[in-house]
Amino acid sequence: MRRRLWSDARRKTPLYVGFAATGVALTIPGAILPLLLLRWAMSDARGGVLLFCFYTMGTLGSYMARGKMNHSIARGAVVTAAGALCLGWAGRWTAYSAIAVYGLGLSMTMTSISLLLSQRFPVERRLVLTRLNLVWAIGAALGPWIALHAASGVSLVQAQAVVHAQHVLEGVAVFFLVTAAWANWMEDSPLVAGTKKSEGSNTRTGNGRLGVPWPLLVLIFGATGVDAAAGGWLTAYAQRAGDSLGITIGAATFLWVGSLVSRLVHSAKWAARLPERAVLGTSMAAMTAALVLLVAWPAGIATMVAAAVLGLAAGPVYPLVLAAALRHRENSTVFAVAGVGASLLPLATGGVSTWTHSLRAGLGIPLAAAVVMMVVVIASRSTLAGKEEAVTEALMGSVEVE
């Protein structure tokens, strides 16, 4: 038993560290978005296009996670490093392509790590993916602090803060170059994403061409979209409300800390016994309430409380619906759907903000998405696993599968 646990830890730990780093890297564009908009004299609509480019290329990156997964991780890490360096030194018009390359590499890396662990531990998939997203949330919680803490003594309108953003992106590039070198030395994965189905994959009839029920696709689209829209615009929202830099950093940090705490709770085996539909229904209701609070009281402590509740509610949603979707078909398509949601909702938020001259109105987009997700969960009685299936999966989590 000890040998098996040590072997599992040795195979998982480096991947978890790399995935935590993608959490840091993914939240940095949202954290430094006010600096970037100031630096390039961009409107909110153009800021929305920046985030759209970032997440849209993530959709393409999901499809490029193919071949041996260790090599796919290495390719993604190299592209991420290149994108981070380019974004740090980009101009107003080259920023779009630079952030697109950055998003492409991150998505390749994240999808490859997720698929590699899903393939290696198919029976424990729900727990493994929840724990994987837990460490991602640790990185995401650190991202805003890393991006802005060193600028705590500098006004957000001063050039020194922009230089700091460049240094942060250069640090990201160095880390991912090291990750690429490590991934090339990692043991090979024999499975090929998108061309083979792992043992135990269950492609059910009646689920459409993608092999995944449409309610799960809607939930995956919405889960990543709400995360991206709220996480991408929260720093700018808090800053424009006239909050101090501490509140500005704290709002984004509380969002990801809330996500971290909820994923920590749901990474326990007892949590796998909870019915998926009940967990999602509670989460959707809390997400909606948090977004209502965020829009209704855009200032100070209320913003931080709303961000924390939103993170707590959203934390278990994506890993849970991802595991449910991968039970139906295991390939990179579901990751691409997630990328589409993450690209469109921040774009729509920025567009509405510019149109109405109110970022507060723009945040009505993720609020509407949360309401739609809640309706889908209520209406989806047969798609989501009930308690019996969740208990079976949790009990089987203690079985070693080679």
Foldseek 3Di string as FASTA:
>chain_A
DVVVVVVVCVVCVVLLVVLLLLLLLVLQLLLCVLLVCLQQVHALLVSLLLLLLLLLLLLVLLVVLWDWLLLLLLVLLQQLLQLLLCCLPDHNVCNSVSSNSNSSSSSSNNNSSLLLVCQQQVLLNLLSLLVSLLSSLVSNLCNSCQLCVVCQVPDSNDVVSSNSNSVSSNVSSVVSNVSSVVSVVDDTDPDIFPPDFHPLAAQDPPCPPVSFNPLLLLLLLLLLLLCLQCSNHQLVLAVVQVDRVVQSSLLNSLLSVLLNVLSVVCSDLVNLLAFPLVLLLVLLVQLLVLLVQCLVDVYDPSSNVSSNSNSNSSNSRNSQSVSLRRSRPGHSNSSSSNSNSSSPLSSQLSVVCVVVVHSSVSSVSSSVSSVVSSVSSVVDPPSTGGSVVSNVSSVCSVPRDD
